[in-house]
Amino acid sequence: GHRSISALASATVRFGSPSDAEIDAYVATGEPLKVAGGFTLDRLGGW
């Protein structure tokens, strides 16, 4: 058998205000399509 334990962590994210051109360029990198919420904190989305 096994032992199992689970828990949830939550954090509030305050998004910046990128321009339409910045959003289009960011989405064009493909990064938002690979991650939950459509953004990253440690890569391109961190801007």
All heavy atoms as atom14 arrays in JSON, in Angstrom:
{
  "sequence": "GHRSISALASATVRFGSPSDAEIDAYVATGEPLKVAGGFTLDRLGGW",
  "atom14_mask": [
    [1, 1, 1, 1, 0, 0, 0, 0, 0, 0, 0, 0, 0, 0],
    [1, 1, 1, 1, 1, 1, 1, 1, 1, 1, 0, 0, 0, 0],
    [1, 1, 1, 1, 1, 1, 1, 1, 1, 1, 1, 0, 0, 0],
    [1, 1, 1, 1, 1, 1, 0, 0, 0, 0, 0, 0, 0, 0],
    [1, 1, 1, 1, 1, 1, 1, 1, 0, 0, 0, 0, 0, 0],
    [1, 1, 1, 1, 1, 1, 0, 0, 0, 0, 0, 0, 0, 0],
    [1, 1, 1, 1, 1, 0, 0, 0, 0, 0, 0, 0, 0, 0],
    [1, 1, 1, 1, 1, 1, 1, 1, 0, 0, 0, 0, 0, 0],
    [1, 1, 1, 1, 1, 0, 0, 0, 0, 0, 0, 0, 0, 0],
    [1, 1, 1, 1, 1, 1, 0, 0, 0, 0, 0, 0, 0, 0],
    [1, 1, 1, 1, 1, 0, 0, 0, 0, 0, 0, 0, 0, 0],
    [1, 1, 1, 1, 1, 1, 1, 0, 0, 0, 0, 0, 0, 0],
    [1, 1, 1, 1, 1, 1, 1, 0, 0, 0, 0, 0, 0, 0],
    [1, 1, 1, 1, 1, 1, 1, 1, 1, 1, 1, 0, 0, 0],
    [1, 1, 1, 1, 1, 1, 1, 1, 1, 1, 1, 0, 0, 0],
    [1, 1, 1, 1, 0, 0, 0, 0, 0, 0, 0, 0, 0, 0],
    [1, 1, 1, 1, 1, 1, 0, 0, 0, 0, 0, 0, 0, 0],
    [1, 1, 1, 1, 1, 1, 1, 0, 0, 0, 0, 0, 0, 0],
    [1, 1, 1, 1, 1, 1, 0, 0, 0, 0, 0, 0, 0, 0],
    [1, 1, 1, 1, 1, 1, 1, 1, 0, 0, 0, 0, 0, 0],
    [1, 1, 1, 1, 1, 0, 0, 0, 0, 0, 0, 0, 0, 0],
    [1, 1, 1, 1, 1, 1, 1, 1, 1, 0, 0, 0, 0, 0],
    [1, 1, 1, 1, 1, 1, 1, 1, 0, 0, 0, 0, 0, 0],
    [1, 1, 1, 1, 1, 1, 1, 1, 0, 0, 0, 0, 0, 0],
    [1, 1, 1, 1, 1, 0, 0, 0, 0, 0, 0, 0, 0, 0],
    [1, 1, 1, 1, 1, 1, 1, 1, 1, 1, 1, 1, 0, 0],
    [1, 1, 1, 1, 1, 1, 1, 0, 0, 0, 0, 0, 0, 0],
    [1, 1, 1, 1, 1, 0, 0, 0, 0, 0, 0, 0, 0, 0],
    [1, 1, 1, 1, 1, 1, 1, 0, 0, 0, 0, 0, 0, 0],
    [1, 1, 1, 1, 0, 0, 0, 0, 0, 0, 0, 0, 0, 0],
    [1, 1, 1, 1, 1, 1, 1, 1, 1, 0, 0, 0, 0, 0],
    [1, 1, 1, 1, 1, 1, 1, 0, 0, 0, 0, 0, 0, 0],
    [1, 1, 1, 1, 1, 1, 1, 1, 0, 0, 0, 0, 0, 0],
    [1, 1, 1, 1, 1, 1, 1, 1, 1, 0, 0, 0, 0, 0],
    [1, 1, 1, 1, 1, 1, 1, 0, 0, 0, 0, 0, 0, 0],
    [1, 1, 1, 1, 1, 0, 0, 0, 0, 0, 0, 0, 0, 0],
    [1, 1, 1, 1, 0, 0, 0, 0, 0, 0, 0, 0, 0, 0],
    [1, 1, 1, 1, 0, 0, 0, 0, 0, 0, 0, 0, 0, 0],
    [1, 1, 1, 1, 1, 1, 1, 1, 1, 1, 1, 0, 0, 0],
    [1, 1, 1, 1, 1, 1, 1, 0, 0, 0, 0, 0, 0, 0],
    [1, 1, 1, 1, 1, 1, 1, 1, 0, 0, 0, 0, 0, 0],
    [1, 1, 1, 1, 1, 1, 1, 1, 0, 0, 0, 0, 0, 0],
    [1, 1, 1, 1, 1, 1, 1, 1, 1, 1, 1, 0, 0, 0],
    [1, 1, 1, 1, 1, 1, 1, 1, 0, 0, 0, 0, 0, 0],
    [1, 1, 1, 1, 0, 0, 0, 0, 0, 0, 0, 0, 0, 0],
    [1, 1, 1, 1, 0, 0, 0, 0, 0, 0, 0, 0, 0, 0],
    [1, 1, 1, 1, 1, 1, 1, 1, 1, 1, 1, 1, 1, 1]
  ],
  "atom14_positions": [
    [[0.81, -1.21, 0.0], [0.0, 0.0, 0.0], [0.84, 1.26, 0.0], [2.03, 1.24, -0.29], [0.0, 0.0, 0.0], [0.0, 0.0, 0.0], [0.0, 0.0, 0.0], [0.0, 0.0, 0.0], [0.0, 0.0, 0.0], [0.0, 0.0, 0.0], [0.0, 0.0, 0.0], [0.0, 0.0, 0.0], [0.0, 0.0, 0.0], [0.0, 0.0, 0.0]],
    [[0.19, 2.37, 0.34], [0.89, 3.64, 0.35], [0.19, 4.6, 1.29], [-0.92, 4.37, 1.75], [0.94, 4.23, -1.07], [-0.43, 4.48, -1.65], [-1.01, 3.63, -2.57], [-1.34, 5.47, -1.44], [-2.21, 4.09, -2.89], [-2.43, 5.2, -2.23], [0.0, 0.0, 0.0], [0.0, 0.0, 0.0], [0.0, 0.0, 0.0], [0.0, 0.0, 0.0]],
    [[0.87, 5.7, 1.58], [0.31, 6.79, 2.36], [0.19, 8.0, 1.45], [1.11, 8.31, 0.69], [1.21, 7.11, 3.55], [1.32, 5.97, 4.56], [2.36, 6.31, 5.61], [1.99, 7.5, 6.38], [2.84, 8.18, 7.14], [4.1, 7.8, 7.24], [2.42, 9.24, 7.8], [0.0, 0.0, 0.0], [0.0, 0.0, 0.0], [0.0, 0.0, 0.0]],
    [[-0.95, 8.68, 1.52], [-1.2, 9.8, 0.64], [-1.68, 11.0, 1.43], [-2.48, 10.86, 2.37], [-2.25, 9.41, -0.41], [-2.63, 10.52, -1.2], [0.0, 0.0, 0.0], [0.0, 0.0, 0.0], [0.0, 0.0, 0.0], [0.0, 0.0, 0.0], [0.0, 0.0, 0.0], [0.0, 0.0, 0.0], [0.0, 0.0, 0.0], [0.0, 0.0, 0.0]],
    [[-1.2, 12.19, 1.05], [-1.64, 13.42, 1.7], [-1.68, 14.51, 0.65], [-0.84, 14.54, -0.26], [-0.7, 13.79, 2.88], [-1.25, 14.99, 3.63], [0.72, 14.02, 2.41], [-0.55, 15.22, 4.96], [0.0, 0.0, 0.0], [0.0, 0.0, 0.0], [0.0, 0.0, 0.0], [0.0, 0.0, 0.0], [0.0, 0.0, 0.0], [0.0, 0.0, 0.0]],
    [[-2.67, 15.38, 0.75], [-2.79, 16.44, -0.26], [-3.21, 17.75, 0.39], [-3.79, 17.77, 1.47], [-3.8, 16.03, -1.34], [-5.05, 15.69, -0.77], [0.0, 0.0, 0.0], [0.0, 0.0, 0.0], [0.0, 0.0, 0.0], [0.0, 0.0, 0.0], [0.0, 0.0, 0.0], [0.0, 0.0, 0.0], [0.0, 0.0, 0.0], [0.0, 0.0, 0.0]],
    [[-2.9, 18.85, -0.29], [-3.24, 20.18, 0.22], [-3.2, 21.17, -0.94], [-2.57, 20.93, -1.98], [-2.28, 20.6, 1.32], [0.0, 0.0, 0.0], [0.0, 0.0, 0.0], [0.0, 0.0, 0.0], [0.0, 0.0, 0.0], [0.0, 0.0, 0.0], [0.0, 0.0, 0.0], [0.0, 0.0, 0.0], [0.0, 0.0, 0.0], [0.0, 0.0, 0.0]],
    [[-3.85, 22.29, -0.71], [-3.95, 23.33, -1.73], [-3.22, 24.59, -1.29], [-3.31, 25.0, -0.13], [-5.43, 23.67, -1.98], [-5.73, 24.71, -3.05], [-5.47, 24.13, -4.44], [-7.19, 25.17, -2.94], [0.0, 0.0, 0.0], [0.0, 0.0, 0.0], [0.0, 0.0, 0.0], [0.0, 0.0, 0.0], [0.0, 0.0, 0.0], [0.0, 0.0, 0.0]],
    [[-2.48, 25.21, -2.2], [-1.85, 26.5, -1.97], [-2.44, 27.5, -2.95], [-2.7, 27.16, -4.11], [-0.33, 26.41, -2.15], [0.0, 0.0, 0.0], [0.0, 0.0, 0.0], [0.0, 0.0, 0.0], [0.0, 0.0, 0.0], [0.0, 0.0, 0.0], [0.0, 0.0, 0.0], [0.0, 0.0, 0.0], [0.0, 0.0, 0.0], [0.0, 0.0, 0.0]],
    [[-2.65, 28.73, -2.51], [-3.24, 29.75, -3.36], [-2.51, 31.07, -3.2], [-2.05, 31.4, -2.11], [-4.73, 29.95, -3.02], [-5.45, 28.74, -3.13], [0.0, 0.0, 0.0], [0.0, 0.0, 0.0], [0.0, 0.0, 0.0], [0.0, 0.0, 0.0], [0.0, 0.0, 0.0], [0.0, 0.0, 0.0], [0.0, 0.0, 0.0], [0.0, 0.0, 0.0]],
    [[-2.39, 31.81, -4.27], [-1.73, 33.11, -4.24], [-2.46, 34.06, -5.2], [-2.93, 33.64, -6.27], [-0.27, 33.0, -4.66], [0.0, 0.0, 0.0], [0.0, 0.0, 0.0], [0.0, 0.0, 0.0], [0.0, 0.0, 0.0], [0.0, 0.0, 0.0], [0.0, 0.0, 0.0], [0.0, 0.0, 0.0], [0.0, 0.0, 0.0], [0.0, 0.0, 0.0]],
    [[-2.55, 35.32, -4.82], [-3.2, 36.32, -5.64], [-2.18, 36.93, -6.61], [-1.07, 37.28, -6.22], [-3.81, 37.44, -4.78], [-4.8, 36.86, -3.92], [-4.46, 38.5, -5.64], [0.0, 0.0, 0.0], [0.0, 0.0, 0.0], [0.0, 0.0, 0.0], [0.0, 0.0, 0.0], [0.0, 0.0, 0.0], [0.0, 0.0, 0.0], [0.0, 0.0, 0.0]],
    [[-2.58, 37.03, -7.87], [-1.72, 37.58, -8.92], [-2.31, 38.9, -9.4], [-3.48, 38.96, -9.77], [-1.61, 36.61, -10.12], [-0.67, 37.17, -11.18], [-1.15, 35.24, -9.66], [0.0, 0.0, 0.0], [0.0, 0.0, 0.0], [0.0, 0.0, 0.0], [0.0, 0.0, 0.0], [0.0, 0.0, 0.0], [0.0, 0.0, 0.0], [0.0, 0.0, 0.0]],
    [[-1.5, 39.96, -9.38], [-1.92, 41.25, -9.91], [-1.29, 41.42, -11.3], [-0.06, 41.52, -11.43], [-1.5, 42.4, -9.0], [-2.09, 42.33, -7.61], [-1.94, 43.66, -6.87], [-0.56, 44.15, -6.88], [0.38, 43.78, -6.02], [0.11, 42.88, -5.08], [1.59, 44.29, -6.1], [0.0, 0.0, 0.0], [0.0, 0.0, 0.0], [0.0, 0.0, 0.0]],
    [[-2.13, 41.42, -12.31], [-1.64, 41.5, -13.68], [-1.36, 42.95, -14.07], [-2.06, 43.88, -13.66], [-2.65, 40.89, -14.64], [-2.85, 39.42, -14.45], [-3.98, 38.93, -13.79], [-1.91, 38.52, -14.9], [-4.15, 37.58, -13.6], [-2.08, 37.15, -14.7], [-3.2, 36.69, -14.05], [0.0, 0.0, 0.0], [0.0, 0.0, 0.0], [0.0, 0.0, 0.0]],
    [[-0.32, 43.13, -14.88], [-0.02, 44.44, -15.43], [-0.97, 44.79, -16.55], [-1.99, 44.11, -16.76], [0.0, 0.0, 0.0], [0.0, 0.0, 0.0], [0.0, 0.0, 0.0], [0.0, 0.0, 0.0], [0.0, 0.0, 0.0], [0.0, 0.0, 0.0], [0.0, 0.0, 0.0], [0.0, 0.0, 0.0], [0.0, 0.0, 0.0], [0.0, 0.0, 0.0]],
    [[-0.64, 45.84, -17.28], [-1.52, 46.31, -18.36], [-0.75, 46.37, -19.68], [-0.47, 47.45, -20.21], [-2.09, 47.69, -18.01], [-2.86, 47.64, -16.83], [0.0, 0.0, 0.0], [0.0, 0.0, 0.0], [0.0, 0.0, 0.0], [0.0, 0.0, 0.0], [0.0, 0.0, 0.0], [0.0, 0.0, 0.0], [0.0, 0.0, 0.0], [0.0, 0.0, 0.0]],
    [[-0.4, 45.21, -20.22], [0.29, 45.2, -21.51], [-0.59, 45.75, -22.62], [-1.82, 45.61, -22.59], [0.62, 43.72, -21.73], [-0.4, 42.98, -20.92], [-0.66, 43.84, -19.73], [0.0, 0.0, 0.0], [0.0, 0.0, 0.0], [0.0, 0.0, 0.0], [0.0, 0.0, 0.0], [0.0, 0.0, 0.0], [0.0, 0.0, 0.0], [0.0, 0.0, 0.0]],
    [[0.04, 46.35, -23.61], [-0.69, 46.86, -24.76], [-1.17, 45.71, -25.63], [-0.72, 44.57, -25.48], [0.21, 47.79, -25.58], [1.28, 47.03, -26.15], [0.0, 0.0, 0.0], [0.0, 0.0, 0.0], [0.0, 0.0, 0.0], [0.0, 0.0, 0.0], [0.0, 0.0, 0.0], [0.0, 0.0, 0.0], [0.0, 0.0, 0.0], [0.0, 0.0, 0.0]],
    [[-2.05, 46.01, -26.58], [-2.5, 44.98, -27.51], [-1.33, 44.39, -28.27], [-1.27, 43.18, -28.5], [-3.52, 45.57, -28.5], [-4.88, 45.83, -27.88], [-5.09, 45.41, -26.72], [-5.73, 46.45, -28.56], [0.0, 0.0, 0.0], [0.0, 0.0, 0.0], [0.0, 0.0, 0.0], [0.0, 0.0, 0.0], [0.0, 0.0, 0.0], [0.0, 0.0, 0.0]],
    [[-0.38, 45.26, -28.65], [0.79, 44.78, -29.4], [1.64, 43.85, -28.55], [2.15, 42.82, -29.03], [1.61, 45.96, -29.89], [0.0, 0.0, 0.0], [0.0, 0.0, 0.0], [0.0, 0.0, 0.0], [0.0, 0.0, 0.0], [0.0, 0.0, 0.0], [0.0, 0.0, 0.0], [0.0, 0.0, 0.0], [0.0, 0.0, 0.0], [0.0, 0.0, 0.0]],
    [[1.79, 44.18, -27.26], [2.57, 43.32, -26.37], [1.88, 41.98, -26.16], [2.54, 40.93, -26.13], [2.79, 44.02, -25.03], [3.79, 45.17, -25.1], [3.89, 45.92, -23.79], [2.84, 46.18, -23.15], [5.02, 46.27, -23.4], [0.0, 0.0, 0.0], [0.0, 0.0, 0.0], [0.0, 0.0, 0.0], [0.0, 0.0, 0.0], [0.0, 0.0, 0.0]],
    [[0.57, 42.02, -26.02], [-0.18, 40.77, -25.85], [-0.05, 39.9, -27.1], [0.22, 38.69, -27.01], [-1.67, 41.06, -25.56], [-1.82, 41.67, -24.17], [-2.51, 39.79, -25.68], [-3.22, 42.14, -23.84], [0.0, 0.0, 0.0], [0.0, 0.0, 0.0], [0.0, 0.0, 0.0], [0.0, 0.0, 0.0], [0.0, 0.0, 0.0], [0.0, 0.0, 0.0]],
    [[-0.21, 40.5, -28.27], [-0.09, 39.74, -29.52], [1.3, 39.11, -29.64], [1.44, 37.95, -30.04], [-0.36, 40.64, -30.72], [-1.82, 41.06, -30.83], [-2.67, 40.42, -30.17], [-2.1, 42.02, -31.56], [0.0, 0.0, 0.0], [0.0, 0.0, 0.0], [0.0, 0.0, 0.0], [0.0, 0.0, 0.0], [0.0, 0.0, 0.0], [0.0, 0.0, 0.0]],
    [[2.33, 39.89, -29.28], [3.7, 39.38, -29.37], [3.94, 38.26, -28.37], [4.6, 37.26, -28.68], [4.69, 40.52, -29.14], [0.0, 0.0, 0.0], [0.0, 0.0, 0.0], [0.0, 0.0, 0.0], [0.0, 0.0, 0.0], [0.0, 0.0, 0.0], [0.0, 0.0, 0.0], [0.0, 0.0, 0.0], [0.0, 0.0, 0.0], [0.0, 0.0, 0.0]],
    [[3.4, 38.42, -27.17], [3.57, 37.39, -26.15], [2.89, 36.09, -26.55], [3.49, 35.01, -26.48], [3.02, 37.9, -24.8], [3.12, 36.89, -23.68], [4.28, 36.16, -23.47], [2.04, 36.67, -22.82], [4.37, 35.24, -22.43], [2.12, 35.75, -21.79], [3.29, 35.03, -21.61], [3.37, 34.11, -20.59], [0.0, 0.0, 0.0], [0.0, 0.0, 0.0]],
    [[1.66, 36.19, -27.0], [0.93, 34.98, -27.4], [1.61, 34.32, -28.59], [1.64, 33.09, -28.7], [-0.54, 35.33, -27.71], [-1.27, 34.12, -28.3], [-1.26, 35.8, -26.44], [0.0, 0.0, 0.0], [0.0, 0.0, 0.0], [0.0, 0.0, 0.0], [0.0, 0.0, 0.0], [0.0, 0.0, 0.0], [0.0, 0.0, 0.0], [0.0, 0.0, 0.0]],
    [[2.19, 35.13, -29.48], [2.86, 34.58, -30.67], [4.06, 33.72, -30.3], [4.47, 32.86, -31.1], [3.29, 35.71, -31.6], [0.0, 0.0, 0.0], [0.0, 0.0, 0.0], [0.0, 0.0, 0.0], [0.0, 0.0, 0.0], [0.0, 0.0, 0.0], [0.0, 0.0, 0.0], [0.0, 0.0, 0.0], [0.0, 0.0, 0.0], [0.0, 0.0, 0.0]],
    [[4.62, 33.89, -29.1], [5.74, 33.04, -28.68], [5.29, 31.62, -28.38], [6.12, 30.7, -28.31], [6.43, 33.6, -27.42], [5.53, 33.5, -26.29], [6.83, 35.06, -27.61], [0.0, 0.0, 0.0], [0.0, 0.0, 0.0], [0.0, 0.0, 0.0], [0.0, 0.0, 0.0], [0.0, 0.0, 0.0], [0.0, 0.0, 0.0], [0.0, 0.0, 0.0]],
    [[4.0, 31.44, -28.16], [3.47, 30.12, -27.84], [3.46, 29.79, -26.36], [2.83, 28.81, -25.94], [0.0, 0.0, 0.0], [0.0, 0.0, 0.0], [0.0, 0.0, 0.0], [0.0, 0.0, 0.0], [0.0, 0.0, 0.0], [0.0, 0.0, 0.0], [0.0, 0.0, 0.0], [0.0, 0.0, 0.0], [0.0, 0.0, 0.0], [0.0, 0.0, 0.0]],
    [[4.15, 30.6, -25.56], [4.25, 30.3, -24.13], [2.9, 30.23, -23.42], [2.65, 29.29, -22.64], [5.15, 31.32, -23.45], [5.33, 31.07, -21.95], [6.24, 32.1, -21.3], [7.47, 31.95, -21.42], [5.73, 33.06, -20.68], [0.0, 0.0, 0.0], [0.0, 0.0, 0.0], [0.0, 0.0, 0.0], [0.0, 0.0, 0.0], [0.0, 0.0, 0.0]],
    [[1.99, 31.19, -23.64], [0.72, 31.16, -22.89], [-0.13, 29.92, -23.15], [-0.96, 29.56, -22.32], [-0.01, 32.43, -23.39], [1.07, 33.32, -23.89], [2.09, 32.4, -24.48], [0.0, 0.0, 0.0], [0.0, 0.0, 0.0], [0.0, 0.0, 0.0], [0.0, 0.0, 0.0], [0.0, 0.0, 0.0], [0.0, 0.0, 0.0], [0.0, 0.0, 0.0]],
    [[0.09, 29.26, -24.28], [-0.71, 28.09, -24.62], [-0.27, 26.84, -23.85], [-0.97, 25.83, -23.87], [-0.63, 27.8, -26.12], [-1.1, 28.94, -27.04], [-0.91, 28.55, -28.49], [-2.57, 29.27, -26.77], [0.0, 0.0, 0.0], [0.0, 0.0, 0.0], [0.0, 0.0, 0.0], [0.0, 0.0, 0.0], [0.0, 0.0, 0.0], [0.0, 0.0, 0.0]],
    [[0.87, 26.93, -23.16], [1.44, 25.76, -22.51], [1.28, 25.77, -20.99], [1.7, 24.81, -20.33], [2.94, 25.66, -22.84], [3.25, 25.6, -24.32], [4.75, 25.67, -24.57], [5.07, 25.71, -26.05], [6.53, 25.87, -26.28], [0.0, 0.0, 0.0], [0.0, 0.0, 0.0], [0.0, 0.0, 0.0], [0.0, 0.0, 0.0], [0.0, 0.0, 0.0]],
    [[0.69, 26.85, -20.45], [0.68, 27.01, -18.99], [-0.7, 27.38, -18.47], [-1.47, 28.06, -19.15], [1.72, 28.05, -18.55], [3.13, 27.51, -18.72], [1.56, 29.35, -19.32], [0.0, 0.0, 0.0], [0.0, 0.0, 0.0], [0.0, 0.0, 0.0], [0.0, 0.0, 0.0], [0.0, 0.0, 0.0], [0.0, 0.0, 0.0], [0.0, 0.0, 0.0]],
    [[-0.97, 26.96, -17.24], [-2.25, 27.27, -16.59], [-2.43, 28.78, -16.47], [-1.5, 29.49, -16.08], [-2.31, 26.63, -15.21], [0.0, 0.0, 0.0], [0.0, 0.0, 0.0], [0.0, 0.0, 0.0], [0.0, 0.0, 0.0], [0.0, 0.0, 0.0], [0.0, 0.0, 0.0], [0.0, 0.0, 0.0], [0.0, 0.0, 0.0], [0.0, 0.0, 0.0]],
    [[-3.6, 29.26, -16.82], [-3.88, 30.68, -16.73], [-3.4, 31.48, -17.91], [-3.75, 32.64, -18.08], [0.0, 0.0, 0.0], [0.0, 0.0, 0.0], [0.0, 0.0, 0.0], [0.0, 0.0, 0.0], [0.0, 0.0, 0.0], [0.0, 0.0, 0.0], [0.0, 0.0, 0.0], [0.0, 0.0, 0.0], [0.0, 0.0, 0.0], [0.0, 0.0, 0.0]],
    [[-2.54, 30.87, -18.75], [-2.05, 31.57, -19.93], [-0.91, 32.53, -19.65], [-0.65, 33.43, -20.45], [0.0, 0.0, 0.0], [0.0, 0.0, 0.0], [0.0, 0.0, 0.0], [0.0, 0.0, 0.0], [0.0, 0.0, 0.0], [0.0, 0.0, 0.0], [0.0, 0.0, 0.0], [0.0, 0.0, 0.0], [0.0, 0.0, 0.0], [0.0, 0.0, 0.0]],
    [[-0.2, 32.33, -18.53], [0.92, 33.22, -18.22], [1.95, 32.48, -17.38], [1.66, 31.46, -16.76], [0.44, 34.46, -17.46], [0.11, 34.18, -16.01], [1.02, 34.49, -15.0], [-1.09, 33.59, -15.64], [0.74, 34.22, -13.66], [-1.39, 33.33, -14.31], [-0.46, 33.65, -13.32], [0.0, 0.0, 0.0], [0.0, 0.0, 0.0], [0.0, 0.0, 0.0]],
    [[3.16, 33.03, -17.36], [4.21, 32.54, -16.47], [4.7, 33.7, -15.61], [4.49, 34.87, -15.94], [5.41, 31.98, -17.25], [5.97, 33.04, -18.05], [5.01, 30.82, -18.13], [0.0, 0.0, 0.0], [0.0, 0.0, 0.0], [0.0, 0.0, 0.0], [0.0, 0.0, 0.0], [0.0, 0.0, 0.0], [0.0, 0.0, 0.0], [0.0, 0.0, 0.0]],
    [[5.36, 33.36, -14.53], [5.96, 34.37, -13.67], [7.47, 34.44, -13.87], [8.06, 35.51, -13.77], [5.66, 34.04, -12.2], [6.21, 34.99, -11.14], [5.62, 36.38, -11.3], [5.92, 34.44, -9.74], [0.0, 0.0, 0.0], [0.0, 0.0, 0.0], [0.0, 0.0, 0.0], [0.0, 0.0, 0.0], [0.0, 0.0, 0.0], [0.0, 0.0, 0.0]],
    [[8.07, 33.31, -14.19], [9.53, 33.21, -14.25], [10.09, 33.3, -15.67], [11.3, 33.24, -15.85], [9.99, 31.9, -13.6], [9.38, 30.68, -14.27], [8.26, 30.8, -14.83], [9.98, 29.61, -14.22], [0.0, 0.0, 0.0], [0.0, 0.0, 0.0], [0.0, 0.0, 0.0], [0.0, 0.0, 0.0], [0.0, 0.0, 0.0], [0.0, 0.0, 0.0]],
    [[9.21, 33.45, -16.65], [9.7, 33.53, -18.02], [9.14, 34.79, -18.7], [9.06, 35.84, -18.07], [9.33, 32.24, -18.77], [10.17, 31.04, -18.3], [9.84, 29.77, -19.04], [8.59, 29.19, -18.53], [7.92, 28.22, -19.13], [8.35, 27.74, -20.29], [6.82, 27.72, -18.59], [0.0, 0.0, 0.0], [0.0, 0.0, 0.0], [0.0, 0.0, 0.0]],
    [[8.75, 34.7, -19.93], [8.33, 35.89, -20.67], [7.13, 36.59, -20.03], [7.04, 37.82, -20.06], [8.0, 35.52, -22.12], [9.15, 34.95, -22.96], [8.65, 34.56, -24.34], [10.29, 35.95, -23.06], [0.0, 0.0, 0.0], [0.0, 0.0, 0.0], [0.0, 0.0, 0.0], [0.0, 0.0, 0.0], [0.0, 0.0, 0.0], [0.0, 0.0, 0.0]],
    [[6.24, 35.82, -19.45], [5.05, 36.41, -18.84], [5.35, 37.29, -17.64], [4.53, 38.13, -17.24], [0.0, 0.0, 0.0], [0.0, 0.0, 0.0], [0.0, 0.0, 0.0], [0.0, 0.0, 0.0], [0.0, 0.0, 0.0], [0.0, 0.0, 0.0], [0.0, 0.0, 0.0], [0.0, 0.0, 0.0], [0.0, 0.0, 0.0], [0.0, 0.0, 0.0]],
    [[6.54, 37.12, -17.05], [6.9, 37.91, -15.88], [6.93, 39.4, -16.14], [6.78, 40.2, -15.2], [0.0, 0.0, 0.0], [0.0, 0.0, 0.0], [0.0, 0.0, 0.0], [0.0, 0.0, 0.0], [0.0, 0.0, 0.0], [0.0, 0.0, 0.0], [0.0, 0.0, 0.0], [0.0, 0.0, 0.0], [0.0, 0.0, 0.0], [0.0, 0.0, 0.0]],
    [[7.12, 39.81, -17.4], [7.08, 41.22, -17.74], [5.72, 41.84, -17.46], [5.61, 43.06, -17.27], [7.39, 41.41, -19.23], [8.78, 41.08, -19.64], [9.21, 39.91, -20.24], [9.94, 41.91, -19.52], [10.56, 39.96, -20.49], [11.04, 41.19, -20.07], [10.16, 43.19, -19.02], [12.33, 41.7, -20.12], [11.45, 43.71, -19.07], [12.51, 42.98, -19.61]]
  ]
}
